[in-house]
């Protein structure tokens, strides 16, 4: 699979992971919100897919939870947010178990693509 980050961003991300591998702190729980809903927040991605995206945010539950642990209220609000509030993004991307960097805290990537020549 092609790297969605530039070599510089990929190295920055690799360094971050190496320097923080022993921490039990969830980077997503501590991410500053750009927008907050009742059960969700939108945050900036500190290590964006800068090769393909001009904007890279993420939406994640306020609770530290995997998808299978969502309450009905969390599910309903996510569907409403996706339907009503995310039109500014070109793509909503979800990682697989193979690619998830924070598997214990569900998140979706919200991307505005770059113009490609």
N, C-alpha and C. Protein backbone atom coordinates (compact mmCIF):
# COMPACT_ATOMS: atom_id res chain seq x y z
N UNK A 1 0.85 -1.18 0.00
CA UNK A 1 0.00 0.00 0.00
C UNK A 1 0.89 1.24 0.00
N UNK A 2 0.52 2.21 -0.78
CA UNK A 2 1.26 3.46 -0.84
C UNK A 2 1.06 4.23 0.46
N UNK A 3 2.11 4.93 0.87
CA UNK A 3 2.01 5.75 2.06
C UNK A 3 1.22 7.01 1.73
N UNK A 4 0.23 7.33 2.54
CA UNK A 4 -0.60 8.51 2.33
C UNK A 4 0.05 9.77 2.89
N UNK A 5 1.17 9.58 3.59
CA UNK A 5 1.92 10.71 4.14
C UNK A 5 3.18 10.94 3.30
N UNK A 6 3.62 12.19 3.24
CA UNK A 6 4.89 12.48 2.59
C UNK A 6 6.00 11.82 3.41
N UNK A 7 7.18 11.62 2.84
CA UNK A 7 8.28 11.01 3.60
C UNK A 7 8.57 11.77 4.90
N UNK A 8 8.51 13.10 4.87
CA UNK A 8 8.79 13.89 6.07
C UNK A 8 7.74 13.64 7.16
N UNK A 9 6.46 13.61 6.76
CA UNK A 9 5.39 13.38 7.73
C UNK A 9 5.43 11.94 8.23
N UNK A 10 5.73 11.00 7.35
CA UNK A 10 5.84 9.60 7.76
C UNK A 10 6.95 9.42 8.79
N UNK A 11 8.08 10.11 8.61
CA UNK A 11 9.17 10.03 9.58
C UNK A 11 8.78 10.67 10.89
N UNK A 12 8.11 11.81 10.83
CA UNK A 12 7.63 12.49 12.04
C UNK A 12 6.69 11.57 12.83
N UNK A 13 5.79 10.90 12.12
CA UNK A 13 4.85 9.96 12.76
C UNK A 13 5.59 8.77 13.36
N UNK A 14 6.55 8.22 12.60
CA UNK A 14 7.34 7.09 13.10
C UNK A 14 8.11 7.48 14.36
N UNK A 15 8.69 8.66 14.38
CA UNK A 15 9.41 9.14 15.57
C UNK A 15 8.47 9.31 16.75
N UNK A 16 7.31 9.86 16.51
CA UNK A 16 6.31 10.03 17.58
C UNK A 16 5.94 8.68 18.19
N UNK A 17 5.65 7.72 17.35
CA UNK A 17 5.27 6.38 17.84
C UNK A 17 6.41 5.74 18.63
N UNK A 18 7.63 5.89 18.16
CA UNK A 18 8.79 5.30 18.85
C UNK A 18 9.01 5.96 20.21
N UNK A 19 8.81 7.27 20.26
CA UNK A 19 9.04 8.00 21.52
C UNK A 19 7.90 7.86 22.51
N UNK A 20 6.76 7.36 22.08
CA UNK A 20 5.60 7.26 22.96
C UNK A 20 5.06 5.84 23.09
N UNK A 21 5.86 4.86 22.75
CA UNK A 21 5.38 3.47 22.75
C UNK A 21 5.10 2.93 24.15
N UNK A 22 5.71 3.52 25.16
CA UNK A 22 5.52 3.00 26.51
C UNK A 22 4.41 3.71 27.29
N UNK A 23 3.78 4.69 26.68
CA UNK A 23 2.74 5.43 27.38
C UNK A 23 1.41 4.69 27.31
N UNK A 24 0.63 4.80 28.34
CA UNK A 24 -0.71 4.22 28.35
C UNK A 24 -1.76 5.29 28.08
N UNK A 25 -1.31 6.51 27.88
CA UNK A 25 -2.20 7.64 27.63
C UNK A 25 -2.73 7.59 26.20
N UNK A 26 -4.02 7.82 26.04
CA UNK A 26 -4.63 7.81 24.70
C UNK A 26 -4.49 9.19 24.07
N UNK A 27 -3.81 9.25 22.94
CA UNK A 27 -3.61 10.51 22.23
C UNK A 27 -4.94 11.08 21.74
N UNK A 28 -5.89 10.22 21.41
CA UNK A 28 -7.19 10.70 20.92
C UNK A 28 -8.04 11.27 22.05
N UNK A 29 -7.99 10.67 23.21
CA UNK A 29 -8.75 11.20 24.36
C UNK A 29 -8.30 12.62 24.68
N UNK A 30 -7.01 12.89 24.50
CA UNK A 30 -6.44 14.18 24.87
C UNK A 30 -6.41 15.20 23.73
N UNK A 31 -6.88 14.81 22.55
CA UNK A 31 -6.85 15.72 21.40
C UNK A 31 -7.82 16.88 21.60
N UNK A 32 -7.34 18.08 21.34
CA UNK A 32 -8.18 19.29 21.48
C UNK A 32 -9.25 19.31 20.39
N UNK A 33 -10.49 19.53 20.77
CA UNK A 33 -11.56 19.51 19.77
C UNK A 33 -11.64 20.77 18.92
N UNK A 34 -11.98 20.58 17.66
CA UNK A 34 -12.32 21.68 16.78
C UNK A 34 -13.82 21.95 16.86
N UNK A 35 -14.57 20.87 17.12
CA UNK A 35 -16.02 20.95 17.27
C UNK A 35 -16.44 19.83 18.21
N UNK A 36 -17.42 20.12 19.07
CA UNK A 36 -17.88 19.13 20.04
C UNK A 36 -19.39 18.95 19.90
N UNK A 37 -19.80 17.71 19.95
CA UNK A 37 -21.22 17.34 19.94
C UNK A 37 -21.53 16.69 21.28
N UNK A 38 -22.70 16.16 21.45
CA UNK A 38 -23.06 15.53 22.72
C UNK A 38 -22.17 14.32 23.02
N UNK A 39 -21.87 13.51 22.00
CA UNK A 39 -21.11 12.26 22.21
C UNK A 39 -19.84 12.17 21.37
N UNK A 40 -19.59 13.15 20.52
CA UNK A 40 -18.50 13.09 19.55
C UNK A 40 -17.73 14.39 19.52
N UNK A 41 -16.53 14.33 18.99
CA UNK A 41 -15.75 15.53 18.72
C UNK A 41 -14.99 15.36 17.42
N UNK A 42 -14.73 16.50 16.77
CA UNK A 42 -13.89 16.55 15.58
C UNK A 42 -12.57 17.17 16.01
N UNK A 43 -11.47 16.51 15.63
CA UNK A 43 -10.13 16.98 16.00
C UNK A 43 -9.27 17.06 14.76
N UNK A 44 -8.20 17.83 14.84
CA UNK A 44 -7.20 17.89 13.79
C UNK A 44 -6.31 16.66 13.91
N UNK A 45 -5.89 16.10 12.80
CA UNK A 45 -4.94 14.99 12.84
C UNK A 45 -3.53 15.57 12.88
N UNK A 46 -2.78 15.25 13.93
CA UNK A 46 -1.42 15.77 14.08
C UNK A 46 -0.45 15.18 13.06
N UNK A 47 -0.83 14.07 12.45
CA UNK A 47 0.02 13.40 11.47
C UNK A 47 -0.81 13.13 10.21
N UNK A 48 -1.17 14.19 9.50
CA UNK A 48 -2.13 14.05 8.40
C UNK A 48 -1.60 13.26 7.21
N UNK A 49 -2.54 12.83 6.40
CA UNK A 49 -2.22 12.19 5.13
C UNK A 49 -1.92 13.32 4.14
N UNK A 50 -0.80 13.97 4.36
CA UNK A 50 -0.47 15.21 3.64
C UNK A 50 -0.09 14.99 2.18
N UNK A 51 0.11 13.77 1.78
CA UNK A 51 0.39 13.50 0.37
C UNK A 51 -0.89 13.67 -0.47
N UNK A 52 -2.05 13.36 0.13
CA UNK A 52 -3.30 13.37 -0.62
C UNK A 52 -4.34 14.37 -0.11
N UNK A 53 -4.17 14.87 1.11
CA UNK A 53 -5.21 15.70 1.72
C UNK A 53 -4.71 17.09 2.08
N UNK A 54 -5.52 18.09 1.77
CA UNK A 54 -5.20 19.44 2.21
C UNK A 54 -5.75 19.68 3.61
N UNK A 55 -6.79 18.95 3.99
CA UNK A 55 -7.35 19.00 5.34
C UNK A 55 -7.52 17.57 5.82
N UNK A 56 -7.13 17.31 7.07
CA UNK A 56 -7.26 15.97 7.63
C UNK A 56 -7.69 16.09 9.09
N UNK A 57 -8.98 15.92 9.31
CA UNK A 57 -9.53 15.89 10.65
C UNK A 57 -9.94 14.46 10.97
N UNK A 58 -10.35 14.25 12.20
CA UNK A 58 -10.90 12.96 12.60
C UNK A 58 -12.13 13.23 13.46
N UNK A 59 -13.09 12.32 13.39
CA UNK A 59 -14.23 12.36 14.30
C UNK A 59 -14.12 11.13 15.19
N UNK A 60 -14.33 11.35 16.49
CA UNK A 60 -14.19 10.26 17.44
C UNK A 60 -15.14 10.47 18.61
N UNK A 61 -15.52 9.39 19.26
CA UNK A 61 -16.40 9.53 20.41
C UNK A 61 -15.65 10.19 21.57
N UNK A 62 -16.40 10.91 22.39
CA UNK A 62 -15.80 11.52 23.57
C UNK A 62 -15.32 10.44 24.54
N UNK A 63 -16.02 9.33 24.55
CA UNK A 63 -15.60 8.19 25.39
C UNK A 63 -14.51 7.40 24.68
N UNK A 64 -13.63 6.82 25.46
CA UNK A 64 -12.60 5.91 24.93
C UNK A 64 -13.28 4.55 24.73
N UNK A 65 -13.67 4.28 23.48
CA UNK A 65 -14.47 3.09 23.21
C UNK A 65 -14.24 2.60 21.79
N UNK A 66 -14.34 1.29 21.64
CA UNK A 66 -14.31 0.68 20.30
C UNK A 66 -15.71 0.74 19.72
N UNK A 67 -15.83 0.55 18.42
CA UNK A 67 -17.12 0.66 17.74
C UNK A 67 -18.17 -0.27 18.33
N UNK A 68 -17.79 -1.47 18.69
CA UNK A 68 -18.76 -2.42 19.21
C UNK A 68 -19.29 -2.03 20.60
N UNK A 69 -18.67 -1.03 21.22
CA UNK A 69 -19.11 -0.57 22.52
C UNK A 69 -20.01 0.67 22.48
N UNK A 70 -20.37 1.15 21.27
CA UNK A 70 -21.20 2.34 21.16
C UNK A 70 -22.57 2.12 21.80
N UNK A 71 -23.07 3.17 22.41
CA UNK A 71 -24.46 3.17 22.86
C UNK A 71 -25.34 3.53 21.66
N UNK A 72 -26.63 3.31 21.79
CA UNK A 72 -27.56 3.70 20.72
C UNK A 72 -27.50 5.20 20.49
N UNK A 73 -27.40 5.99 21.55
CA UNK A 73 -27.31 7.45 21.39
C UNK A 73 -26.05 7.86 20.62
N UNK A 74 -24.93 7.21 20.90
CA UNK A 74 -23.69 7.50 20.16
C UNK A 74 -23.84 7.13 18.69
N UNK A 75 -24.42 5.98 18.41
CA UNK A 75 -24.64 5.56 17.02
C UNK A 75 -25.55 6.54 16.29
N UNK A 76 -26.66 6.89 16.92
CA UNK A 76 -27.62 7.80 16.29
C UNK A 76 -26.99 9.15 16.00
N UNK A 77 -26.22 9.67 16.97
CA UNK A 77 -25.60 10.97 16.74
C UNK A 77 -24.55 10.89 15.63
N UNK A 78 -23.76 9.83 15.58
CA UNK A 78 -22.78 9.70 14.51
C UNK A 78 -23.46 9.70 13.15
N UNK A 79 -24.53 8.94 13.00
CA UNK A 79 -25.25 8.92 11.73
C UNK A 79 -25.76 10.31 11.38
N UNK A 80 -26.29 11.03 12.35
CA UNK A 80 -26.80 12.38 12.10
C UNK A 80 -25.67 13.33 11.70
N UNK A 81 -24.54 13.24 12.38
CA UNK A 81 -23.39 14.10 12.05
C UNK A 81 -22.91 13.80 10.63
N UNK A 82 -22.77 12.52 10.31
CA UNK A 82 -22.32 12.15 8.97
C UNK A 82 -23.30 12.66 7.91
N UNK A 83 -24.58 12.59 8.18
CA UNK A 83 -25.60 13.01 7.22
C UNK A 83 -25.67 14.54 7.10
N UNK A 84 -25.57 15.25 8.23
CA UNK A 84 -25.90 16.68 8.26
C UNK A 84 -24.71 17.63 8.37
N UNK A 85 -23.57 17.15 8.83
CA UNK A 85 -22.51 18.09 9.20
C UNK A 85 -21.17 17.90 8.50
N UNK A 86 -21.01 16.88 7.71
CA UNK A 86 -19.68 16.58 7.16
C UNK A 86 -19.57 16.83 5.67
N UNK A 87 -20.43 17.69 5.13
CA UNK A 87 -20.43 17.95 3.69
C UNK A 87 -19.16 18.65 3.21
N UNK A 88 -18.41 19.28 4.10
CA UNK A 88 -17.20 19.99 3.68
C UNK A 88 -16.06 19.02 3.32
N UNK A 89 -16.21 17.76 3.69
CA UNK A 89 -15.15 16.77 3.43
C UNK A 89 -15.44 16.00 2.16
N UNK A 90 -14.38 15.60 1.47
CA UNK A 90 -14.51 14.79 0.27
C UNK A 90 -14.62 13.30 0.60
N UNK A 91 -13.96 12.89 1.67
CA UNK A 91 -13.89 11.47 2.02
C UNK A 91 -14.01 11.28 3.52
N UNK A 92 -14.66 10.19 3.88
CA UNK A 92 -14.66 9.69 5.26
C UNK A 92 -13.99 8.33 5.17
N UNK A 93 -12.85 8.19 5.85
CA UNK A 93 -12.05 6.98 5.72
C UNK A 93 -11.97 6.28 7.07
N UNK A 94 -12.18 4.97 7.04
CA UNK A 94 -12.07 4.16 8.26
C UNK A 94 -10.96 3.14 8.05
N UNK A 95 -10.08 3.04 9.00
CA UNK A 95 -9.02 2.05 8.92
C UNK A 95 -9.53 0.66 9.21
N UNK A 96 -8.75 -0.31 8.84
CA UNK A 96 -9.06 -1.70 9.18
C UNK A 96 -8.21 -2.09 10.39
N UNK A 97 -8.47 -3.25 10.92
CA UNK A 97 -7.69 -3.72 12.07
C UNK A 97 -6.20 -3.72 11.74
N UNK A 98 -5.86 -3.97 10.48
CA UNK A 98 -4.46 -4.01 10.04
C UNK A 98 -3.80 -2.63 10.12
N UNK A 99 -4.57 -1.55 9.86
CA UNK A 99 -3.97 -0.22 9.75
C UNK A 99 -4.27 0.70 10.92
N UNK A 100 -5.09 0.28 11.87
CA UNK A 100 -5.44 1.17 12.98
C UNK A 100 -4.25 1.44 13.89
N UNK A 101 -3.98 2.72 14.13
CA UNK A 101 -2.90 3.08 15.03
C UNK A 101 -3.38 3.18 16.48
N UNK A 102 -4.67 3.45 16.68
CA UNK A 102 -5.25 3.53 18.02
C UNK A 102 -6.51 2.65 18.01
N UNK A 103 -6.35 1.33 18.05
CA UNK A 103 -7.50 0.43 17.88
C UNK A 103 -8.53 0.50 19.01
N UNK A 104 -8.14 0.95 20.16
CA UNK A 104 -9.06 0.96 21.30
C UNK A 104 -9.94 2.21 21.35
N UNK A 105 -9.68 3.19 20.49
CA UNK A 105 -10.50 4.41 20.45
C UNK A 105 -10.96 4.61 19.00
N UNK A 106 -12.21 4.29 18.75
CA UNK A 106 -12.76 4.39 17.40
C UNK A 106 -12.56 5.80 16.85
N UNK A 107 -12.25 5.88 15.57
CA UNK A 107 -12.16 7.18 14.90
C UNK A 107 -12.29 7.00 13.39
N UNK A 108 -12.82 8.03 12.76
CA UNK A 108 -12.92 8.09 11.31
C UNK A 108 -12.10 9.27 10.84
N UNK A 109 -11.43 9.11 9.71
CA UNK A 109 -10.65 10.19 9.12
C UNK A 109 -11.54 10.99 8.18
N UNK A 110 -11.46 12.31 8.29
CA UNK A 110 -12.25 13.22 7.47
C UNK A 110 -11.27 13.99 6.58
N UNK A 111 -11.38 13.81 5.28
CA UNK A 111 -10.37 14.33 4.37
C UNK A 111 -10.97 15.26 3.31
N UNK A 112 -10.25 16.35 3.07
CA UNK A 112 -10.47 17.18 1.90
C UNK A 112 -9.24 16.94 1.03
N UNK A 113 -9.48 16.40 -0.16
CA UNK A 113 -8.39 16.02 -1.02
C UNK A 113 -7.67 17.21 -1.65
N UNK A 114 -6.42 16.96 -1.97
CA UNK A 114 -5.62 17.94 -2.71
C UNK A 114 -5.96 17.82 -4.19
N UNK A 115 -5.80 18.91 -4.90
CA UNK A 115 -5.90 18.87 -6.35
C UNK A 115 -4.65 18.15 -6.86
N UNK A 116 -4.85 17.10 -7.60
CA UNK A 116 -3.74 16.31 -8.11
C UNK A 116 -3.57 16.56 -9.59
N UNK A 117 -2.32 16.70 -10.02
CA UNK A 117 -2.03 16.87 -11.45
C UNK A 117 -1.69 15.56 -12.08
